[in-house]
Amino acid sequence: MMATWTPATISDQAGRVALITGGNSGIGRQTGRVLAGHGARVVLAGRDPGKLAAAADAIRAEVPAAEVDTLVLDLGNLKSVGAAAARVVDAGPLDLLVNNAGVMNIAERQTTADGFEMTFGTNHLGHFALAAQLMPALRAASAARVVTVSAIAARWRSGELTDLMSEEKYRPMSAYAKSKRANIVFTVELARRLAGTPMTTVAVHPGAALTNLQQHSQGVASRLLMPLLGRLAMGSPEGAAWPSLYAATDPAVESGAFLGPAGRRQDSGTPKPARLPRDADDRATGTALWRDSERLTGVPFTV
């Protein structure tokens, strides 16, 4: 019988460099903490320098030998994305990119600095542009991985990849579902384009966990009920990081996979394959999203 995977069984990560977006809190911070604890040099990326510094200090306090750096990155601003990517490429090979950051449930339609609908622009387009510009550093590593955090919301009917900027109709959670489906379609298409190379790309969903992702929840009821819901129905950021950590480190993971928790409890066992959203592995869908993403961002993505 195959042994159950846990973060404690992760092999030595010494010599690997990992960049984690949204690394200052929640799942991203837990992912960074565990990887640093196994010897990786971790770069926590996010918008707020103060929060990044605090997160890095907290990891060093828990893991005295941790190598932790920070990188200011605003996924809602392509200029910031380009500047951050350039700094990483200049630093040398990148073994692991974890596209973890995200926003959800923004009540009123907002736009990024570049005019994209905020949820889709941050969760998908920002990460698309980042990964594209990090390819020289990823190719320079011996067997780099790209892990992208999606969600079960990707399966919702409202997640169909039409009206990407929600200009015809804006619904907060529909915009979120579109962005999360785009994460998976991007991963599958990238795997297709990486075929024959040593690079691996994987999408994961963490299950439900109470993190900063819920910060945009609106109304008195949401603000009062969210902490209770978190205690009763949602898991912890520690457990929610399991699929990301498994995808980032386990040699058995296949490129193009979509992985999630083993059971209702996120830390109940080895993360396992999850059902893809309808048409997520359709070649025409992947090609169309890739083309639209390059056109919207103005960033060519050459594998």
C-alpha atoms as a PDB file:
ATOM      1  CA  MET A   1       0.000   0.000   0.000  1.00  0.00           C
ATOM      2  CA  MET A   2       1.318   3.388  -0.998  1.00  0.00           C
ATOM      3  CA  ALA A   3       2.325   5.632   1.917  1.00  0.00           C
ATOM      4  CA  THR A   4       0.198   8.712   2.496  1.00  0.00           C
ATOM      5  CA  TRP A   5       1.848  11.936   1.460  1.00  0.00           C
ATOM      6  CA  THR A   6       2.105  14.766   3.988  1.00  0.00           C
ATOM      7  CA  PRO A   7       4.184  17.970   3.998  1.00  0.00           C
ATOM      8  CA  ALA A   8       6.533  16.197   6.419  1.00  0.00           C
ATOM      9  CA  THR A   9       7.435  13.672   3.690  1.00  0.00           C
ATOM     10  CA  ILE A  10       8.588  16.317   1.200  1.00  0.00           C
ATOM     11  CA  SER A  11      12.112  15.589   0.011  1.00  0.00           C
ATOM     12  CA  ASP A  12      15.031  17.946   0.568  1.00  0.00           C
ATOM     13  CA  GLN A  13      14.410  21.132  -1.427  1.00  0.00           C
ATOM     14  CA  ALA A  14      17.892  22.612  -0.951  1.00  0.00           C
ATOM     15  CA  GLY A  15      19.085  24.348  -4.096  1.00  0.00           C
ATOM     16  CA  ARG A  16      15.560  25.109  -5.373  1.00  0.00           C
ATOM     17  CA  VAL A  17      14.316  28.675  -5.709  1.00  0.00           C
ATOM     18  CA  ALA A  18      10.562  29.192  -5.329  1.00  0.00           C
ATOM     19  CA  LEU A  19       8.536  32.342  -6.094  1.00  0.00           C
ATOM     20  CA  ILE A  20       5.084  32.489  -4.489  1.00  0.00           C
ATOM     21  CA  THR A  21       2.585  35.209  -5.389  1.00  0.00           C
ATOM     22  CA  GLY A  22       0.354  36.302  -2.535  1.00  0.00           C
ATOM     23  CA  GLY A  23       3.071  35.006  -0.251  1.00  0.00           C
ATOM     24  CA  ASN A  24       2.470  37.349   2.653  1.00  0.00           C
ATOM     25  CA  SER A  25      -0.601  35.566   4.042  1.00  0.00           C
ATOM     26  CA  GLY A  26      -2.886  32.544   3.939  1.00  0.00           C
ATOM     27  CA  ILE A  27      -2.089  29.638   1.650  1.00  0.00           C
ATOM     28  CA  GLY A  28       0.845  31.422   0.043  1.00  0.00           C
ATOM     29  CA  ARG A  29       2.574  32.071   3.344  1.00  0.00           C
ATOM     30  CA  GLN A  30       2.022  28.488   4.506  1.00  0.00           C
ATOM     31  CA  THR A  31       3.384  27.187   1.211  1.00  0.00           C
ATOM     32  CA  GLY A  32       6.467  29.346   1.654  1.00  0.00           C
ATOM     33  CA  ARG A  33       6.946  28.300   5.271  1.00  0.00           C
ATOM     34  CA  VAL A  34       6.906  24.586   4.448  1.00  0.00           C
ATOM     35  CA  LEU A  35       9.169  24.908   1.401  1.00  0.00           C
ATOM     36  CA  ALA A  36      11.648  26.994   3.406  1.00  0.00           C
ATOM     37  CA  GLY A  37      11.527  24.386   6.145  1.00  0.00           C
ATOM     38  CA  HIS A  38      12.666  21.796   3.616  1.00  0.00           C
ATOM     39  CA  GLY A  39      15.569  23.898   2.403  1.00  0.00           C
ATOM     40  CA  ALA A  40      14.228  25.889  -0.561  1.00  0.00           C
ATOM     41  CA  ARG A  41      15.058  29.550  -1.011  1.00  0.00           C
ATOM     42  CA  VAL A  42      11.655  31.217  -1.015  1.00  0.00           C
ATOM     43  CA  VAL A  43      10.672  34.541  -2.542  1.00  0.00           C
ATOM     44  CA  LEU A  44       7.391  35.916  -1.184  1.00  0.00           C
ATOM     45  CA  ALA A  45       5.720  38.250  -3.686  1.00  0.00           C
ATOM     46  CA  GLY A  46       2.922  40.723  -2.970  1.00  0.00           C
ATOM     47  CA  ARG A  47       1.838  44.344  -3.122  1.00  0.00           C
ATOM     48  CA  ASP A  48       2.614  45.531   0.409  1.00  0.00           C
ATOM     49  CA  PRO A  49       6.312  45.694   1.422  1.00  0.00           C
ATOM     50  CA  GLY A  50       5.445  45.893   5.123  1.00  0.00           C
ATOM     51  CA  LYS A  51       3.244  42.787   5.042  1.00  0.00           C
ATOM     52  CA  LEU A  52       5.855  40.915   3.012  1.00  0.00           C
ATOM     53  CA  ALA A  53       8.571  41.787   5.517  1.00  0.00           C
ATOM     54  CA  ALA A  54       6.380  40.681   8.424  1.00  0.00           C
ATOM     55  CA  ALA A  55       5.619  37.366   6.707  1.00  0.00           C
ATOM     56  CA  ALA A  56       9.295  36.765   5.971  1.00  0.00           C
ATOM     57  CA  ASP A  57      10.213  37.532   9.590  1.00  0.00           C
ATOM     58  CA  ALA A  58       7.527  35.145  10.831  1.00  0.00           C
ATOM     59  CA  ILE A  59       8.865  32.323   8.658  1.00  0.00           C
ATOM     60  CA  ARG A  60      12.427  32.986   9.840  1.00  0.00           C
ATOM     61  CA  ALA A  61      11.206  32.868  13.434  1.00  0.00           C
ATOM     62  CA  GLU A  62       9.662  29.426  12.838  1.00  0.00           C
ATOM     63  CA  VAL A  63      12.459  28.176  10.591  1.00  0.00           C
ATOM     64  CA  PRO A  64      15.714  29.774  11.820  1.00  0.00           C
ATOM     65  CA  ALA A  65      17.729  28.563   8.817  1.00  0.00           C
ATOM     66  CA  ALA A  66      15.137  29.731   6.280  1.00  0.00           C
ATOM     67  CA  GLU A  67      16.262  31.626   3.202  1.00  0.00           C
ATOM     68  CA  VAL A  68      13.398  34.037   2.552  1.00  0.00           C
ATOM     69  CA  ASP A  69      13.367  37.060   0.242  1.00  0.00           C
ATOM     70  CA  THR A  70      10.537  39.393  -0.725  1.00  0.00           C
ATOM     71  CA  LEU A  71       9.439  40.898  -4.028  1.00  0.00           C
ATOM     72  CA  VAL A  72       6.989  43.753  -4.514  1.00  0.00           C
ATOM     73  CA  LEU A  73       4.490  42.682  -7.173  1.00  0.00           C
ATOM     74  CA  ASP A  74       1.069  44.054  -8.094  1.00  0.00           C
ATOM     75  CA  LEU A  75      -0.652  41.597 -10.424  1.00  0.00           C
ATOM     76  CA  GLY A  76      -3.184  44.295 -11.283  1.00  0.00           C
ATOM     77  CA  ASN A  77      -0.496  46.458 -12.868  1.00  0.00           C
ATOM     78  CA  LEU A  78       1.398  45.127 -15.892  1.00  0.00           C
ATOM     79  CA  LYS A  79       4.221  47.615 -15.344  1.00  0.00           C
ATOM     80  CA  SER A  80       4.738  46.185 -11.850  1.00  0.00           C
ATOM     81  CA  VAL A  81       4.544  42.642 -13.226  1.00  0.00           C
ATOM     82  CA  GLY A  82       7.196  43.379 -15.832  1.00  0.00           C
ATOM     83  CA  ALA A  83       9.538  45.041 -13.336  1.00  0.00           C
ATOM     84  CA  ALA A  84       9.205  42.182 -10.846  1.00  0.00           C
ATOM     85  CA  ALA A  85       9.765  39.550 -13.531  1.00  0.00           C
ATOM     86  CA  ALA A  86      12.885  41.352 -14.741  1.00  0.00           C
ATOM     87  CA  ARG A  87      14.358  41.298 -11.225  1.00  0.00           C
ATOM     88  CA  VAL A  88      13.727  37.576 -10.900  1.00  0.00           C
ATOM     89  CA  VAL A  89      15.221  36.780 -14.307  1.00  0.00           C
ATOM     90  CA  ASP A  90      18.310  38.832 -13.490  1.00  0.00           C
ATOM     91  CA  ALA A  91      18.766  36.782 -10.289  1.00  0.00           C
ATOM     92  CA  GLY A  92      19.173  33.475 -12.125  1.00  0.00           C
ATOM     93  CA  PRO A  93      17.247  30.194 -12.551  1.00  0.00           C
ATOM     94  CA  LEU A  94      13.776  29.811 -11.022  1.00  0.00           C
ATOM     95  CA  ASP A  95      12.774  26.263 -10.091  1.00  0.00           C
ATOM     96  CA  LEU A  96       9.220  26.874  -8.938  1.00  0.00           C
ATOM     97  CA  LEU A  97       6.549  29.483  -9.627  1.00  0.00           C
ATOM     98  CA  VAL A  98       3.406  29.255  -7.503  1.00  0.00           C
ATOM     99  CA  ASN A  99       0.643  31.433  -8.948  1.00  0.00           C
ATOM    100  CA  ASN A 100      -1.243  31.690  -5.679  1.00  0.00           C
ATOM    101  CA  ALA A 101      -2.500  35.279  -5.270  1.00  0.00           C
ATOM    102  CA  GLY A 102      -6.124  36.093  -5.970  1.00  0.00           C
ATOM    103  CA  VAL A 103      -9.122  38.312  -5.327  1.00  0.00           C
ATOM    104  CA  MET A 104     -12.772  37.295  -5.019  1.00  0.00           C
ATOM    105  CA  ASN A 105     -16.287  38.647  -4.607  1.00  0.00           C
ATOM    106  CA  ILE A 106     -15.653  42.329  -5.341  1.00  0.00           C
ATOM    107  CA  ALA A 107     -19.125  43.836  -4.996  1.00  0.00           C
ATOM    108  CA  GLU A 108     -18.894  46.505  -7.691  1.00  0.00           C
ATOM    109  CA  ARG A 109     -17.064  46.089 -10.977  1.00  0.00           C
ATOM    110  CA  GLN A 110     -13.577  47.569 -10.681  1.00  0.00           C
ATOM    111  CA  THR A 111     -10.681  47.686 -13.102  1.00  0.00           C
ATOM    112  CA  THR A 112      -6.941  47.189 -12.820  1.00  0.00           C
ATOM    113  CA  ALA A 113      -4.375  49.864 -13.670  1.00  0.00           C
ATOM    114  CA  ASP A 114      -4.508  48.555 -17.237  1.00  0.00           C
ATOM    115  CA  GLY A 115      -8.310  48.646 -17.535  1.00  0.00           C
ATOM    116  CA  PHE A 116      -9.062  44.939 -17.039  1.00  0.00           C
ATOM    117  CA  GLU A 117     -11.917  43.749 -14.857  1.00  0.00           C
ATOM    118  CA  MET A 118     -10.195  43.415 -11.494  1.00  0.00           C
ATOM    119  CA  THR A 119     -10.881  39.738 -10.706  1.00  0.00           C
ATOM    120  CA  PHE A 120     -10.021  38.307 -14.126  1.00  0.00           C
ATOM    121  CA  GLY A 121      -7.198  40.789 -14.576  1.00  0.00           C
ATOM    122  CA  THR A 122      -5.554  39.867 -11.283  1.00  0.00           C
ATOM    123  CA  ASN A 123      -6.263  36.144 -11.033  1.00  0.00           C
ATOM    124  CA  HIS A 124      -5.521  35.203 -14.640  1.00  0.00           C
ATOM    125  CA  LEU A 125      -4.040  37.974 -16.782  1.00  0.00           C
ATOM    126  CA  GLY A 126      -1.548  39.143 -14.164  1.00  0.00           C
ATOM    127  CA  HIS A 127      -0.300  35.605 -13.642  1.00  0.00           C
ATOM    128  CA  PHE A 128      -0.238  34.938 -17.397  1.00  0.00           C
ATOM    129  CA  ALA A 129       1.958  37.994 -17.960  1.00  0.00           C
ATOM    130  CA  LEU A 130       4.176  37.079 -15.012  1.00  0.00           C
ATOM    131  CA  ALA A 131       4.733  33.487 -16.131  1.00  0.00           C
ATOM    132  CA  ALA A 132       5.421  34.617 -19.701  1.00  0.00           C
ATOM    133  CA  GLN A 133       8.123  37.022 -18.601  1.00  0.00           C
ATOM    134  CA  LEU A 134       9.636  34.515 -16.164  1.00  0.00           C
ATOM    135  CA  MET A 135      10.143  31.867 -18.846  1.00  0.00           C
ATOM    136  CA  PRO A 136      13.881  32.629 -19.282  1.00  0.00           C
ATOM    137  CA  ALA A 137      14.436  31.951 -15.566  1.00  0.00           C
ATOM    138  CA  LEU A 138      12.189  28.866 -15.608  1.00  0.00           C
ATOM    139  CA  ARG A 139      13.915  27.462 -18.685  1.00  0.00           C
ATOM    140  CA  ALA A 140      17.283  28.021 -17.000  1.00  0.00           C
ATOM    141  CA  ALA A 141      16.309  25.615 -14.179  1.00  0.00           C
ATOM    142  CA  SER A 142      16.821  21.890 -14.668  1.00  0.00           C
ATOM    143  CA  ALA A 143      13.163  20.880 -14.250  1.00  0.00           C
ATOM    144  CA  ALA A 144      11.032  23.891 -13.318  1.00  0.00           C
ATOM    145  CA  ARG A 145       7.417  23.710 -12.203  1.00  0.00           C
ATOM    146  CA  VAL A 146       4.544  26.165 -12.495  1.00  0.00           C
ATOM    147  CA  VAL A 147       1.740  25.598  -9.986  1.00  0.00           C
ATOM    148  CA  THR A 148      -1.428  27.655 -10.373  1.00  0.00           C
ATOM    149  CA  VAL A 149      -4.054  27.810  -7.635  1.00  0.00           C
ATOM    150  CA  SER A 150      -7.580  27.579  -9.037  1.00  0.00           C
ATOM    151  CA  ALA A 151     -10.865  26.684  -7.288  1.00  0.00           C
ATOM    152  CA  ILE A 152     -13.878  24.402  -7.615  1.00  0.00           C
ATOM    153  CA  ALA A 153     -15.766  27.516  -8.743  1.00  0.00           C
ATOM    154  CA  ALA A 154     -14.063  26.913 -12.093  1.00  0.00           C
ATOM    155  CA  ARG A 155     -16.718  24.253 -12.757  1.00  0.00           C
ATOM    156  CA  TRP A 156     -19.649  26.625 -12.391  1.00  0.00           C
ATOM    157  CA  ARG A 157     -21.673  27.298 -15.505  1.00  0.00           C
ATOM    158  CA  SER A 158     -21.063  31.011 -14.987  1.00  0.00           C
ATOM    159  CA  GLY A 159     -17.341  30.311 -15.420  1.00  0.00           C
ATOM    160  CA  GLU A 160     -17.617  29.929 -19.191  1.00  0.00           C
ATOM    161  CA  LEU A 161     -14.901  31.959 -20.890  1.00  0.00           C
ATOM    162  CA  THR A 162     -17.073  34.533 -22.614  1.00  0.00           C
ATOM    163  CA  ASP A 163     -17.317  38.264 -21.864  1.00  0.00           C
ATOM    164  CA  LEU A 164     -13.948  37.983 -20.127  1.00  0.00           C
ATOM    165  CA  MET A 165     -14.033  41.562 -18.866  1.00  0.00           C
ATOM    166  CA  SER A 166     -17.642  41.239 -17.588  1.00  0.00           C
ATOM    167  CA  GLU A 167     -18.636  44.267 -19.635  1.00  0.00           C
ATOM    168  CA  GLU A 168     -22.019  42.890 -20.660  1.00  0.00           C
ATOM    169  CA  LYS A 169     -22.948  41.833 -17.139  1.00  0.00           C
ATOM    170  CA  TYR A 170     -20.941  41.887 -13.929  1.00  0.00           C
ATOM    171  CA  ARG A 171     -21.572  39.392 -11.155  1.00  0.00           C
ATOM    172  CA  PRO A 172     -18.845  39.136  -8.509  1.00  0.00           C
ATOM    173  CA  MET A 173     -18.718  35.355  -8.255  1.00  0.00           C
ATOM    174  CA  SER A 174     -19.174  34.819 -11.997  1.00  0.00           C
ATOM    175  CA  ALA A 175     -16.072  36.947 -12.579  1.00  0.00           C
ATOM    176  CA  TYR A 176     -14.285  34.803 -10.011  1.00  0.00           C
ATOM    177  CA  ALA A 177     -15.437  31.560 -11.643  1.00  0.00           C
ATOM    178  CA  LYS A 178     -14.198  32.779 -15.041  1.00  0.00           C
ATOM    179  CA  SER A 179     -10.806  33.644 -13.624  1.00  0.00           C
ATOM    180  CA  LYS A 180     -10.486  30.270 -11.904  1.00  0.00           C
ATOM    181  CA  ARG A 181     -11.503  28.371 -15.046  1.00  0.00           C
ATOM    182  CA  ALA A 182      -8.961  30.423 -16.971  1.00  0.00           C
ATOM    183  CA  ASN A 183      -6.317  29.265 -14.468  1.00  0.00           C
ATOM    184  CA  ILE A 184      -7.043  25.645 -15.368  1.00  0.00           C
ATOM    185  CA  VAL A 185      -7.349  26.195 -19.118  1.00  0.00           C
ATOM    186  CA  PHE A 186      -4.047  28.097 -19.004  1.00  0.00           C
ATOM    187  CA  THR A 187      -2.390  25.211 -17.150  1.00  0.00           C
ATOM    188  CA  VAL A 188      -3.625  22.563 -19.574  1.00  0.00           C
ATOM    189  CA  GLU A 189      -2.618  24.653 -22.598  1.00  0.00           C
ATOM    190  CA  LEU A 190       0.801  25.407 -21.111  1.00  0.00           C
ATOM    191  CA  ALA A 191       1.328  21.680 -20.475  1.00  0.00           C
ATOM    192  CA  ARG A 192       0.443  21.010 -24.102  1.00  0.00           C
ATOM    193  CA  ARG A 193       3.029  23.561 -25.255  1.00  0.00           C
ATOM    194  CA  LEU A 194       5.670  22.269 -22.831  1.00  0.00           C
ATOM    195  CA  ALA A 195       5.367  18.671 -24.064  1.00  0.00           C
ATOM    196  CA  GLY A 196       8.814  17.191 -24.603  1.00  0.00           C
ATOM    197  CA  THR A 197      10.502  19.583 -22.161  1.00  0.00           C
ATOM    198  CA  PRO A 198      11.486  18.917 -18.531  1.00  0.00           C
ATOM    199  CA  MET A 199       9.157  21.651 -17.274  1.00  0.00           C
ATOM    200  CA  THR A 200       5.907  20.725 -15.462  1.00  0.00           C
ATOM    201  CA  THR A 201       2.750  22.762 -14.917  1.00  0.00           C
ATOM    202  CA  VAL A 202      -0.074  21.815 -12.553  1.00  0.00           C
ATOM    203  CA  ALA A 203      -3.330  23.421 -11.386  1.00  0.00           C
ATOM    204  CA  VAL A 204      -4.708  22.842  -7.894  1.00  0.00           C
ATOM    205  CA  HIS A 205      -7.722  23.723  -5.835  1.00  0.00           C
ATOM    206  CA  PRO A 206      -7.268  24.070  -2.072  1.00  0.00           C
ATOM    207  CA  GLY A 207     -10.771  23.329  -0.878  1.00  0.00           C
ATOM    208  CA  ALA A 208     -12.396  25.944   1.357  1.00  0.00           C
ATOM    209  CA  ALA A 209     -10.252  27.891   3.801  1.00  0.00           C
ATOM    210  CA  LEU A 210     -10.714  31.184   5.580  1.00  0.00           C
ATOM    211  CA  THR A 211      -7.951  33.460   4.245  1.00  0.00           C
ATOM    212  CA  ASN A 212      -7.558  37.028   2.991  1.00  0.00           C
ATOM    213  CA  LEU A 213      -9.361  35.925  -0.172  1.00  0.00           C
ATOM    214  CA  GLN A 214     -12.631  36.674   1.655  1.00  0.00           C
ATOM    215  CA  GLN A 215     -11.658  40.264   2.448  1.00  0.00           C
ATOM    216  CA  HIS A 216     -14.061  41.675  -0.147  1.00  0.00           C
ATOM    217  CA  SER A 217     -17.141  39.903   1.242  1.00  0.00           C
ATOM    218  CA  GLN A 218     -19.847  42.522   1.591  1.00  0.00           C
ATOM    219  CA  GLY A 219     -22.561  43.291   4.102  1.00  0.00           C
ATOM    220  CA  VAL A 220     -23.093  42.911   7.806  1.00  0.00           C
ATOM    221  CA  ALA A 221     -24.240  39.299   7.454  1.00  0.00           C
ATOM    222  CA  SER A 222     -21.088  38.307   5.597  1.00  0.00           C
ATOM    223  CA  ARG A 223     -18.833  40.032   8.096  1.00  0.00           C
ATOM    224  CA  LEU A 224     -20.570  38.381  11.046  1.00  0.00           C
ATOM    225  CA  LEU A 225     -21.007  34.921   9.563  1.00  0.00           C
ATOM    226  CA  MET A 226     -17.627  34.493   7.875  1.00  0.00           C
ATOM    227  CA  PRO A 227     -15.647  33.793  11.081  1.00  0.00           C
ATOM    228  CA  LEU A 228     -18.277  31.259  12.194  1.00  0.00           C
ATOM    229  CA  LEU A 229     -18.311  29.658   8.752  1.00  0.00           C
ATOM    230  CA  GLY A 230     -14.549  29.500   8.872  1.00  0.00           C
ATOM    231  CA  ARG A 231     -14.620  27.559  12.130  1.00  0.00           C
ATOM    232  CA  LEU A 232     -17.427  25.201  11.155  1.00  0.00           C
ATOM    233  CA  ALA A 233     -17.079  24.545   7.434  1.00  0.00           C
ATOM    234  CA  MET A 234     -13.719  25.792   6.206  1.00  0.00           C
ATOM    235  CA  GLY A 235     -10.290  24.337   6.678  1.00  0.00           C
ATOM    236  CA  SER A 236      -7.107  26.070   7.727  1.00  0.00           C
ATOM    237  CA  PRO A 237      -4.543  27.724   5.466  1.00  0.00           C
ATOM    238  CA  GLU A 238      -2.136  24.997   6.595  1.00  0.00           C
ATOM    239  CA  GLY A 239      -4.392  22.255   5.238  1.00  0.00           C
ATOM    240  CA  ALA A 240      -5.337  24.289   2.173  1.00  0.00           C
ATOM    241  CA  ALA A 241      -1.655  24.486   1.213  1.00  0.00           C
ATOM    242  CA  TRP A 242      -1.370  20.700   0.870  1.00  0.00           C
ATOM    243  CA  PRO A 243      -2.361  20.500  -2.839  1.00  0.00           C
ATOM    244  CA  SER A 244       0.028  23.340  -3.741  1.00  0.00           C
ATOM    245  CA  LEU A 245       2.881  21.721  -1.822  1.00  0.00           C
ATOM    246  CA  TYR A 246       2.209  18.301  -3.330  1.00  0.00           C
ATOM    247  CA  ALA A 247       2.061  19.750  -6.851  1.00  0.00           C
ATOM    248  CA  ALA A 248       5.249  21.711  -6.229  1.00  0.00           C
ATOM    249  CA  THR A 249       7.383  18.881  -4.918  1.00  0.00           C
ATOM    250  CA  ASP A 250       6.164  15.358  -5.621  1.00  0.00           C
ATOM    251  CA  PRO A 251       7.916  13.605  -8.524  1.00  0.00           C
ATOM    252  CA  ALA A 252       4.786  11.604  -9.381  1.00  0.00           C
ATOM    253  CA  VAL A 253       2.784  14.683 -10.398  1.00  0.00           C
ATOM    254  CA  GLU A 254       2.010  14.825 -14.126  1.00  0.00           C
ATOM    255  CA  SER A 255       2.048  17.993 -16.183  1.00  0.00           C
ATOM    256  CA  GLY A 256      -1.417  19.326 -16.958  1.00  0.00           C
ATOM    257  CA  ALA A 257      -3.015  17.732 -13.902  1.00  0.00           C
ATOM    258  CA  PHE A 258      -5.697  19.357 -11.758  1.00  0.00           C
ATOM    259  CA  LEU A 259      -5.319  18.293  -8.120  1.00  0.00           C
ATOM    260  CA  GLY A 260      -7.340  18.841  -4.968  1.00  0.00           C
ATOM    261  CA  PRO A 261      -7.717  17.597  -1.393  1.00  0.00           C
ATOM    262  CA  ALA A 262      -8.026  13.869  -0.769  1.00  0.00           C
ATOM    263  CA  GLY A 263     -11.260  14.300   1.170  1.00  0.00           C
ATOM    264  CA  ARG A 264     -13.490  16.703   3.005  1.00  0.00           C
ATOM    265  CA  ARG A 265     -10.613  17.488   5.337  1.00  0.00           C
ATOM    266  CA  GLN A 266      -7.887  19.096   3.285  1.00  0.00           C
ATOM    267  CA  ASP A 267      -5.178  17.351   5.284  1.00  0.00           C
ATOM    268  CA  SER A 268      -6.814  13.922   5.116  1.00  0.00           C
ATOM    269  CA  GLY A 269      -4.331  12.330   2.736  1.00  0.00           C
ATOM    270  CA  THR A 270      -2.427  12.534  -0.513  1.00  0.00           C
ATOM    271  CA  PRO A 271      -3.969  15.174  -2.810  1.00  0.00           C
ATOM    272  CA  LYS A 272      -5.723  13.536  -5.739  1.00  0.00           C
ATOM    273  CA  PRO A 273      -6.873  14.386  -9.278  1.00  0.00           C
ATOM    274  CA  ALA A 274      -9.991  16.554  -9.458  1.00  0.00           C
ATOM    275  CA  ARG A 275     -12.569  16.639 -12.235  1.00  0.00           C
ATOM    276  CA  LEU A 276     -11.810  19.243 -14.870  1.00  0.00           C
ATOM    277  CA  PRO A 277     -14.405  21.872 -15.793  1.00  0.00           C
ATOM    278  CA  ARG A 278     -16.223  21.167 -19.034  1.00  0.00           C
ATOM    279  CA  ASP A 279     -14.038  21.846 -22.108  1.00  0.00           C
ATOM    280  CA  ALA A 280     -11.067  22.872 -19.952  1.00  0.00           C
ATOM    281  CA  ASP A 281      -8.864  20.469 -21.917  1.00  0.00           C
ATOM    282  CA  ASP A 282     -10.322  21.410 -25.302  1.00  0.00           C
ATOM    283  CA  ARG A 283      -7.517  22.497 -27.627  1.00  0.00           C
ATOM    284  CA  ALA A 284      -9.572  25.239 -29.280  1.00  0.00           C
ATOM    285  CA  THR A 285     -10.540  26.675 -25.886  1.00  0.00           C
ATOM    286  CA  GLY A 286      -6.911  26.705 -24.765  1.00  0.00           C
ATOM    287  CA  THR A 287      -5.690  28.299 -27.978  1.00  0.00           C
ATOM    288  CA  ALA A 288      -8.387  30.993 -27.810  1.00  0.00           C
ATOM    289  CA  LEU A 289      -7.610  31.908 -24.196  1.00  0.00           C
ATOM    290  CA  TRP A 290      -3.887  32.023 -24.930  1.00  0.00           C
ATOM    291  CA  ARG A 291      -4.461  34.302 -27.921  1.00  0.00           C
ATOM    292  CA  ASP A 292      -6.816  36.571 -25.978  1.00  0.00           C
ATOM    293  CA  SER A 293      -4.415  36.750 -23.039  1.00  0.00           C
ATOM    294  CA  GLU A 294      -1.504  37.772 -25.252  1.00  0.00           C
ATOM    295  CA  ARG A 295      -3.664  40.371 -27.009  1.00  0.00           C
ATOM    296  CA  LEU A 296      -5.048  41.878 -23.825  1.00  0.00           C
ATOM    297  CA  THR A 297      -1.755  42.043 -21.935  1.00  0.00           C
ATOM    298  CA  GLY A 298       0.448  42.814 -24.925  1.00  0.00           C
ATOM    299  CA  VAL A 299       2.868  40.211 -23.552  1.00  0.00           C
ATOM    300  CA  PRO A 300       3.947  37.411 -25.920  1.00  0.00           C
ATOM    301  CA  PHE A 301       4.223  34.022 -24.218  1.00  0.00           C
ATOM    302  CA  THR A 302       6.916  31.973 -25.927  1.00  0.00           C
ATOM    303  CA  VAL A 303       7.606  28.528 -24.500  1.00  0.00           C
END
